[in-house]
Amino acid sequence: MAPPPVDHRLATGPARWLFLLLAVASLVLGIIGVFLPVLPTVPFVLLAAWAAARSSPRLLNWLESHPHFGAHLRDWRSGGVVRRRAKWLASALMAASATSMLFWMGPRWYVLSVIGGMAIVLAWLWRRPESAPDQASPPDSSRRNPSSSSTGTPSS
């Protein structure tokens, strides 16, 4: 099933260049976040796609067809969907980051406030749907009984 259409209203003039700069900077931060566990990747890639939709259809197309980022961006666009595997991966990486910060960073109040922020993000993340609403199974009332007669009325 095709994802819903993206609002492709491009900004004009200096605003378009600012959106493009934001898209590129966000993408760079997202890529750095792949290698640094304390820097998140997904929010920056989502921001890059949002800004690219307003500045560069070519960059947006590249992001949405990217073998790693593309599926996640299309899922998000189709209703804020975050797959279960991505939730588990985010949870594991945040737990690893929290553990490493507890051992190697200070002051303690700062580390605990960052961990609190991660806990809030995880609570929000786990409340996101794991499949698009149109991918859910149809309600029971719309299913046909295979033993129904040729007149279309269900048999008892």
N, C-alpha and C. Protein backbone atom coordinates (compact mmCIF):
# COMPACT_ATOMS: atom_id res chain seq x y z
N MET A 1 0.84 -1.17 0.00
CA MET A 1 0.00 0.00 0.00
C MET A 1 0.89 1.24 0.00
N ALA A 2 0.56 2.20 -0.80
CA ALA A 2 1.35 3.42 -0.92
C ALA A 2 1.13 4.31 0.30
N PRO A 3 2.19 4.97 0.78
CA PRO A 3 2.03 5.87 1.91
C PRO A 3 1.22 7.09 1.49
N PRO A 4 0.64 7.78 2.46
CA PRO A 4 -0.14 8.96 2.12
C PRO A 4 0.76 10.02 1.48
N PRO A 5 0.19 10.88 0.66
CA PRO A 5 1.01 11.88 -0.02
C PRO A 5 1.62 12.86 0.98
N VAL A 6 2.81 13.31 0.64
CA VAL A 6 3.50 14.29 1.47
C VAL A 6 3.12 15.68 0.99
N ASP A 7 2.98 16.60 1.93
CA ASP A 7 2.70 17.99 1.57
C ASP A 7 4.00 18.55 0.98
N HIS A 8 4.03 18.74 -0.32
CA HIS A 8 5.24 19.18 -1.00
C HIS A 8 5.25 20.68 -1.28
N ARG A 9 4.71 21.46 -0.38
CA ARG A 9 4.77 22.90 -0.57
C ARG A 9 6.19 23.37 -0.29
N LEU A 10 6.89 23.73 -1.35
CA LEU A 10 8.26 24.18 -1.20
C LEU A 10 8.29 25.63 -0.76
N ALA A 11 9.19 25.92 0.14
CA ALA A 11 9.41 27.30 0.54
C ALA A 11 10.10 28.01 -0.63
N THR A 12 10.05 29.31 -0.61
CA THR A 12 10.70 30.08 -1.67
C THR A 12 11.71 31.04 -1.07
N GLY A 13 12.62 31.47 -1.90
CA GLY A 13 13.60 32.47 -1.50
C GLY A 13 14.51 32.00 -0.37
N PRO A 14 14.84 32.91 0.55
CA PRO A 14 15.75 32.57 1.64
C PRO A 14 15.21 31.47 2.55
N ALA A 15 13.90 31.37 2.70
CA ALA A 15 13.33 30.33 3.56
C ALA A 15 13.68 28.94 3.03
N ARG A 16 13.67 28.79 1.72
CA ARG A 16 14.01 27.49 1.14
C ARG A 16 15.44 27.12 1.47
N TRP A 17 16.35 28.07 1.41
CA TRP A 17 17.75 27.79 1.74
C TRP A 17 17.93 27.49 3.22
N LEU A 18 17.15 28.16 4.07
CA LEU A 18 17.22 27.86 5.51
C LEU A 18 16.70 26.45 5.80
N PHE A 19 15.60 26.06 5.15
CA PHE A 19 15.10 24.69 5.32
C PHE A 19 16.11 23.67 4.82
N LEU A 20 16.76 23.97 3.69
CA LEU A 20 17.77 23.06 3.15
C LEU A 20 18.96 22.94 4.11
N LEU A 21 19.39 24.06 4.67
CA LEU A 21 20.48 24.05 5.64
C LEU A 21 20.08 23.22 6.87
N LEU A 22 18.86 23.41 7.34
CA LEU A 22 18.37 22.64 8.48
C LEU A 22 18.33 21.15 8.14
N ALA A 23 17.88 20.81 6.93
CA ALA A 23 17.81 19.41 6.51
C ALA A 23 19.19 18.77 6.49
N VAL A 24 20.15 19.45 5.90
CA VAL A 24 21.50 18.90 5.79
C VAL A 24 22.15 18.80 7.18
N ALA A 25 22.03 19.85 7.98
CA ALA A 25 22.62 19.82 9.33
C ALA A 25 21.99 18.71 10.17
N SER A 26 20.68 18.54 10.08
CA SER A 26 20.00 17.48 10.83
C SER A 26 20.44 16.10 10.36
N LEU A 27 20.59 15.95 9.06
CA LEU A 27 21.04 14.67 8.52
C LEU A 27 22.45 14.35 9.00
N VAL A 28 23.33 15.34 8.99
CA VAL A 28 24.70 15.13 9.47
C VAL A 28 24.69 14.73 10.94
N LEU A 29 23.89 15.42 11.76
CA LEU A 29 23.80 15.06 13.19
C LEU A 29 23.22 13.66 13.36
N GLY A 30 22.24 13.31 12.54
CA GLY A 30 21.67 11.97 12.61
C GLY A 30 22.69 10.90 12.26
N ILE A 31 23.51 11.16 11.26
CA ILE A 31 24.54 10.19 10.87
C ILE A 31 25.60 10.08 11.96
N ILE A 32 25.97 11.20 12.56
CA ILE A 32 26.92 11.15 13.68
C ILE A 32 26.31 10.34 14.83
N GLY A 33 24.99 10.48 15.02
CA GLY A 33 24.31 9.75 16.09
C GLY A 33 24.33 8.25 15.90
N VAL A 34 24.54 7.78 14.67
CA VAL A 34 24.67 6.34 14.45
C VAL A 34 25.90 5.81 15.19
N PHE A 35 26.94 6.62 15.27
CA PHE A 35 28.20 6.19 15.86
C PHE A 35 28.39 6.64 17.31
N LEU A 36 27.67 7.66 17.74
CA LEU A 36 27.76 8.13 19.12
C LEU A 36 26.47 7.79 19.87
N PRO A 37 26.54 6.93 20.86
CA PRO A 37 25.31 6.50 21.53
C PRO A 37 24.59 7.61 22.31
N VAL A 38 25.26 8.70 22.61
CA VAL A 38 24.60 9.76 23.36
C VAL A 38 23.85 10.74 22.46
N LEU A 39 24.00 10.60 21.15
CA LEU A 39 23.32 11.48 20.20
C LEU A 39 22.27 10.68 19.44
N PRO A 40 21.00 11.06 19.55
CA PRO A 40 19.97 10.26 18.88
C PRO A 40 20.03 10.43 17.36
N THR A 41 19.64 9.40 16.65
CA THR A 41 19.65 9.42 15.19
C THR A 41 18.29 9.75 14.63
N VAL A 42 17.27 9.03 15.08
CA VAL A 42 15.94 9.11 14.47
C VAL A 42 15.34 10.52 14.50
N PRO A 43 15.36 11.23 15.63
CA PRO A 43 14.75 12.58 15.60
C PRO A 43 15.41 13.50 14.58
N PHE A 44 16.73 13.37 14.43
CA PHE A 44 17.43 14.23 13.46
C PHE A 44 17.08 13.84 12.02
N VAL A 45 16.92 12.55 11.76
CA VAL A 45 16.55 12.12 10.41
C VAL A 45 15.11 12.53 10.09
N LEU A 46 14.22 12.43 11.09
CA LEU A 46 12.85 12.89 10.89
C LEU A 46 12.81 14.39 10.61
N LEU A 47 13.60 15.15 11.35
CA LEU A 47 13.68 16.60 11.13
C LEU A 47 14.26 16.88 9.75
N ALA A 48 15.26 16.12 9.34
CA ALA A 48 15.85 16.31 8.01
C ALA A 48 14.81 16.06 6.91
N ALA A 49 14.00 15.01 7.07
CA ALA A 49 12.97 14.72 6.07
C ALA A 49 11.92 15.83 6.04
N TRP A 50 11.53 16.31 7.20
CA TRP A 50 10.54 17.40 7.27
C TRP A 50 11.07 18.65 6.56
N ALA A 51 12.30 19.02 6.86
CA ALA A 51 12.88 20.21 6.23
C ALA A 51 13.14 19.99 4.74
N ALA A 52 13.52 18.78 4.36
CA ALA A 52 13.76 18.49 2.94
C ALA A 52 12.46 18.57 2.15
N ALA A 53 11.34 18.20 2.77
CA ALA A 53 10.04 18.29 2.08
C ALA A 53 9.70 19.73 1.74
N ARG A 54 10.28 20.68 2.45
CA ARG A 54 10.01 22.09 2.22
C ARG A 54 11.11 22.79 1.41
N SER A 55 12.19 22.04 1.10
CA SER A 55 13.30 22.71 0.42
C SER A 55 13.87 21.93 -0.74
N SER A 56 13.89 20.60 -0.67
CA SER A 56 14.58 19.82 -1.69
C SER A 56 13.88 18.49 -1.94
N PRO A 57 13.04 18.42 -2.97
CA PRO A 57 12.40 17.14 -3.30
C PRO A 57 13.43 16.03 -3.58
N ARG A 58 14.55 16.40 -4.13
CA ARG A 58 15.59 15.42 -4.42
C ARG A 58 16.17 14.80 -3.14
N LEU A 59 16.45 15.63 -2.14
CA LEU A 59 16.94 15.13 -0.86
C LEU A 59 15.87 14.29 -0.17
N LEU A 60 14.63 14.75 -0.21
CA LEU A 60 13.53 13.98 0.40
C LEU A 60 13.40 12.62 -0.27
N ASN A 61 13.47 12.58 -1.60
CA ASN A 61 13.39 11.32 -2.32
C ASN A 61 14.56 10.41 -1.94
N TRP A 62 15.74 10.96 -1.81
CA TRP A 62 16.91 10.17 -1.41
C TRP A 62 16.70 9.59 -0.02
N LEU A 63 16.22 10.41 0.90
CA LEU A 63 15.98 9.92 2.27
C LEU A 63 14.94 8.81 2.29
N GLU A 64 13.83 9.01 1.58
CA GLU A 64 12.75 8.03 1.61
C GLU A 64 13.09 6.75 0.84
N SER A 65 14.06 6.79 -0.04
CA SER A 65 14.45 5.58 -0.75
C SER A 65 15.73 4.99 -0.17
N HIS A 66 16.27 5.58 0.87
CA HIS A 66 17.49 5.09 1.50
C HIS A 66 17.23 3.71 2.11
N PRO A 67 18.17 2.77 1.95
CA PRO A 67 17.93 1.42 2.47
C PRO A 67 17.77 1.35 3.98
N HIS A 68 18.36 2.26 4.72
CA HIS A 68 18.24 2.22 6.19
C HIS A 68 17.16 3.17 6.71
N PHE A 69 17.15 4.40 6.24
CA PHE A 69 16.23 5.40 6.77
C PHE A 69 14.85 5.36 6.13
N GLY A 70 14.77 4.93 4.88
CA GLY A 70 13.54 5.05 4.09
C GLY A 70 12.32 4.41 4.72
N ALA A 71 12.43 3.16 5.13
CA ALA A 71 11.27 2.46 5.70
C ALA A 71 10.78 3.15 6.97
N HIS A 72 11.70 3.60 7.79
CA HIS A 72 11.33 4.28 9.04
C HIS A 72 10.60 5.60 8.75
N LEU A 73 11.07 6.32 7.75
CA LEU A 73 10.43 7.59 7.41
C LEU A 73 9.03 7.36 6.84
N ARG A 74 8.90 6.37 5.98
CA ARG A 74 7.58 6.05 5.42
C ARG A 74 6.62 5.57 6.51
N ASP A 75 7.13 4.76 7.45
CA ASP A 75 6.29 4.32 8.58
C ASP A 75 5.81 5.51 9.40
N TRP A 76 6.72 6.41 9.69
CA TRP A 76 6.37 7.58 10.51
C TRP A 76 5.31 8.42 9.80
N ARG A 77 5.48 8.60 8.49
CA ARG A 77 4.54 9.41 7.72
C ARG A 77 3.16 8.76 7.66
N SER A 78 3.11 7.44 7.75
CA SER A 78 1.82 6.76 7.66
C SER A 78 1.13 6.63 9.01
N GLY A 79 1.35 7.56 9.89
CA GLY A 79 0.61 7.57 11.16
C GLY A 79 1.47 7.53 12.40
N GLY A 80 2.71 7.95 12.32
CA GLY A 80 3.56 7.95 13.50
C GLY A 80 3.95 6.56 13.95
N VAL A 81 4.07 5.65 12.98
CA VAL A 81 4.37 4.26 13.28
C VAL A 81 5.85 4.08 13.60
N VAL A 82 6.10 3.34 14.69
CA VAL A 82 7.46 2.94 15.05
C VAL A 82 7.43 1.43 15.26
N ARG A 83 8.18 0.72 14.46
CA ARG A 83 8.17 -0.74 14.54
C ARG A 83 8.75 -1.21 15.87
N ARG A 84 8.28 -2.39 16.31
CA ARG A 84 8.70 -2.95 17.60
C ARG A 84 10.21 -3.13 17.66
N ARG A 85 10.82 -3.59 16.59
CA ARG A 85 12.28 -3.79 16.59
C ARG A 85 13.01 -2.46 16.86
N ALA A 86 12.52 -1.39 16.28
CA ALA A 86 13.13 -0.07 16.50
C ALA A 86 12.94 0.37 17.95
N LYS A 87 11.80 0.05 18.54
CA LYS A 87 11.56 0.40 19.94
C LYS A 87 12.54 -0.35 20.85
N TRP A 88 12.72 -1.64 20.60
CA TRP A 88 13.65 -2.42 21.41
C TRP A 88 15.08 -1.92 21.23
N LEU A 89 15.45 -1.61 20.01
CA LEU A 89 16.80 -1.10 19.76
C LEU A 89 17.02 0.23 20.48
N ALA A 90 16.04 1.13 20.39
CA ALA A 90 16.16 2.42 21.08
C ALA A 90 16.25 2.21 22.59
N SER A 91 15.45 1.30 23.12
CA SER A 91 15.47 1.02 24.56
C SER A 91 16.84 0.49 24.99
N ALA A 92 17.39 -0.44 24.22
CA ALA A 92 18.70 -1.02 24.56
C ALA A 92 19.80 0.03 24.48
N LEU A 93 19.76 0.86 23.44
CA LEU A 93 20.80 1.88 23.31
C LEU A 93 20.69 2.94 24.40
N MET A 94 19.47 3.30 24.76
CA MET A 94 19.31 4.28 25.85
C MET A 94 19.76 3.69 27.18
N ALA A 95 19.49 2.41 27.41
CA ALA A 95 19.94 1.75 28.64
C ALA A 95 21.47 1.71 28.69
N ALA A 96 22.09 1.41 27.56
CA ALA A 96 23.56 1.40 27.50
C ALA A 96 24.12 2.80 27.74
N SER A 97 23.48 3.80 27.14
CA SER A 97 23.93 5.18 27.35
C SER A 97 23.77 5.59 28.81
N ALA A 98 22.64 5.25 29.41
CA ALA A 98 22.39 5.60 30.81
C ALA A 98 23.42 4.93 31.72
N THR A 99 23.69 3.67 31.46
CA THR A 99 24.67 2.93 32.28
C THR A 99 26.05 3.55 32.16
N SER A 100 26.46 3.85 30.93
CA SER A 100 27.79 4.44 30.75
C SER A 100 27.87 5.83 31.38
N MET A 101 26.80 6.60 31.31
CA MET A 101 26.83 7.93 31.93
C MET A 101 26.92 7.83 33.45
N LEU A 102 26.25 6.86 34.04
CA LEU A 102 26.32 6.69 35.49
C LEU A 102 27.74 6.39 35.96
N PHE A 103 28.50 5.66 35.15
CA PHE A 103 29.86 5.30 35.55
C PHE A 103 30.91 6.34 35.19
N TRP A 104 30.73 7.06 34.08
CA TRP A 104 31.81 7.90 33.59
C TRP A 104 31.51 9.38 33.50
N MET A 105 30.31 9.80 33.87
CA MET A 105 30.01 11.23 33.75
C MET A 105 29.61 11.79 35.10
N GLY A 106 29.70 13.05 35.22
CA GLY A 106 29.27 13.76 36.41
C GLY A 106 28.87 15.14 35.99
N PRO A 107 28.28 15.93 36.76
CA PRO A 107 27.79 15.65 38.11
C PRO A 107 26.55 14.74 38.08
N ARG A 108 26.32 14.10 39.20
CA ARG A 108 25.27 13.08 39.28
C ARG A 108 23.89 13.66 38.98
N TRP A 109 23.58 14.87 39.41
CA TRP A 109 22.25 15.45 39.15
C TRP A 109 22.00 15.60 37.66
N TYR A 110 23.05 15.94 36.93
CA TYR A 110 22.91 16.11 35.49
C TYR A 110 22.63 14.76 34.83
N VAL A 111 23.38 13.75 35.20
CA VAL A 111 23.21 12.41 34.64
C VAL A 111 21.80 11.90 34.93
N LEU A 112 21.35 12.08 36.17
CA LEU A 112 20.01 11.60 36.53
C LEU A 112 18.92 12.37 35.78
N SER A 113 19.13 13.64 35.52
CA SER A 113 18.12 14.39 34.76
C SER A 113 18.09 13.94 33.29
N VAL A 114 19.24 13.62 32.73
CA VAL A 114 19.29 13.10 31.36
C VAL A 114 18.61 11.73 31.30
N ILE A 115 18.87 10.88 32.27
CA ILE A 115 18.23 9.57 32.32
C ILE A 115 16.72 9.72 32.48
N GLY A 116 16.28 10.69 33.27
CA GLY A 116 14.85 10.97 33.40
C GLY A 116 14.25 11.38 32.06
N GLY A 117 14.98 12.19 31.31
CA GLY A 117 14.53 12.59 29.98
C GLY A 117 14.42 11.39 29.05
N MET A 118 15.40 10.49 29.13
CA MET A 118 15.35 9.28 28.31
C MET A 118 14.15 8.42 28.69
N ALA A 119 13.86 8.35 29.97
CA ALA A 119 12.71 7.54 30.41
C ALA A 119 11.40 8.12 29.86
N ILE A 120 11.28 9.43 29.83
CA ILE A 120 10.09 10.07 29.28
C ILE A 120 9.98 9.78 27.78
N VAL A 121 11.10 9.87 27.07
CA VAL A 121 11.09 9.58 25.64
C VAL A 121 10.71 8.11 25.39
N LEU A 122 11.25 7.20 26.20
CA LEU A 122 10.90 5.79 26.03
C LEU A 122 9.42 5.53 26.31
N ALA A 123 8.88 6.19 27.32
CA ALA A 123 7.45 6.01 27.61
C ALA A 123 6.62 6.49 26.42
N TRP A 124 6.99 7.61 25.85
CA TRP A 124 6.29 8.13 24.66
C TRP A 124 6.47 7.17 23.48
N LEU A 125 7.70 6.71 23.28
CA LEU A 125 8.01 5.83 22.14
C LEU A 125 7.19 4.54 22.18
N TRP A 126 7.09 3.93 23.35
CA TRP A 126 6.37 2.66 23.45
C TRP A 126 4.87 2.84 23.30
N ARG A 127 4.38 4.06 23.35
CA ARG A 127 2.96 4.31 23.11
C ARG A 127 2.64 4.54 21.64
N ARG A 128 3.65 4.65 20.79
CA ARG A 128 3.44 4.84 19.35
C ARG A 128 2.92 3.54 18.74
N PRO A 129 2.08 3.65 17.70
CA PRO A 129 1.60 2.43 17.04
C PRO A 129 2.74 1.68 16.35
N GLU A 130 2.57 0.36 16.23
CA GLU A 130 3.60 -0.48 15.60
C GLU A 130 3.24 -0.86 14.17
N SER A 131 2.02 -0.53 13.75
CA SER A 131 1.63 -0.73 12.36
C SER A 131 0.63 0.36 12.00
N ALA A 132 0.56 0.66 10.71
CA ALA A 132 -0.36 1.70 10.24
C ALA A 132 -1.79 1.23 10.45
N PRO A 133 -2.71 2.16 10.70
CA PRO A 133 -4.10 1.77 10.91
C PRO A 133 -4.68 0.95 9.77
N ASP A 134 -4.29 1.22 8.52
CA ASP A 134 -4.82 0.47 7.39
C ASP A 134 -4.20 -0.92 7.27
N GLN A 135 -3.16 -1.21 8.05
CA GLN A 135 -2.55 -2.53 8.03
C GLN A 135 -3.14 -3.45 9.10
N ALA A 136 -3.97 -2.89 9.97
CA ALA A 136 -4.57 -3.69 11.03
C ALA A 136 -5.58 -4.65 10.42
N SER A 137 -5.89 -5.71 11.15
CA SER A 137 -6.87 -6.67 10.63
C SER A 137 -8.25 -6.04 10.60
N PRO A 138 -9.07 -6.40 9.63
CA PRO A 138 -10.39 -5.80 9.52
C PRO A 138 -11.27 -6.21 10.69
N PRO A 139 -12.23 -5.38 11.06
CA PRO A 139 -13.11 -5.74 12.16
C PRO A 139 -13.94 -6.97 11.82
N ASP A 140 -14.40 -7.68 12.86
CA ASP A 140 -15.15 -8.92 12.66
C ASP A 140 -16.40 -8.71 11.82
N SER A 141 -17.06 -7.57 11.95
CA SER A 141 -18.31 -7.34 11.24
C SER A 141 -18.13 -7.28 9.73
N SER A 142 -16.93 -6.98 9.26
CA SER A 142 -16.72 -6.88 7.82
C SER A 142 -16.25 -8.19 7.19
N ARG A 143 -15.97 -9.20 8.03
CA ARG A 143 -15.53 -10.49 7.50
C ARG A 143 -16.73 -11.29 7.02
N ARG A 144 -16.55 -11.99 5.92
CA ARG A 144 -17.63 -12.81 5.39
C ARG A 144 -17.49 -14.23 5.92
N ASN A 145 -18.62 -14.82 6.20
CA ASN A 145 -18.66 -16.20 6.65
C ASN A 145 -18.49 -17.09 5.43
N PRO A 146 -17.45 -17.95 5.40
CA PRO A 146 -17.22 -18.76 4.21
C PRO A 146 -18.35 -19.75 3.95
N SER A 147 -19.18 -20.02 4.93
CA SER A 147 -20.28 -20.97 4.72
C SER A 147 -21.58 -20.26 4.37
N SER A 148 -21.49 -19.00 3.94
CA SER A 148 -22.71 -18.28 3.59
C SER A 148 -23.26 -18.79 2.27
N SER A 149 -24.54 -18.67 2.11
CA SER A 149 -25.20 -19.18 0.90
C SER A 149 -24.99 -18.23 -0.27
N SER A 150 -25.43 -18.65 -1.44
CA SER A 150 -25.23 -17.83 -2.64
C SER A 150 -26.07 -16.57 -2.62
N THR A 151 -27.04 -16.46 -1.73
CA THR A 151 -27.85 -15.25 -1.66
C THR A 151 -27.19 -14.16 -0.86
N GLY A 152 -26.06 -14.51 -0.22
CA GLY A 152 -25.32 -13.50 0.54
C GLY A 152 -25.74 -13.47 2.00
N THR A 153 -26.66 -14.29 2.42
CA THR A 153 -27.06 -14.31 3.82
C THR A 153 -26.28 -15.40 4.52
N PRO A 154 -25.77 -15.15 5.71
CA PRO A 154 -24.98 -16.16 6.41
C PRO A 154 -25.86 -17.33 6.86
N SER A 155 -25.30 -18.52 6.80
CA SER A 155 -26.05 -19.68 7.27
C SER A 155 -25.82 -19.87 8.76
N SER A 156 -26.78 -20.43 9.43
CA SER A 156 -26.68 -20.60 10.88
C SER A 156 -26.10 -21.92 11.25
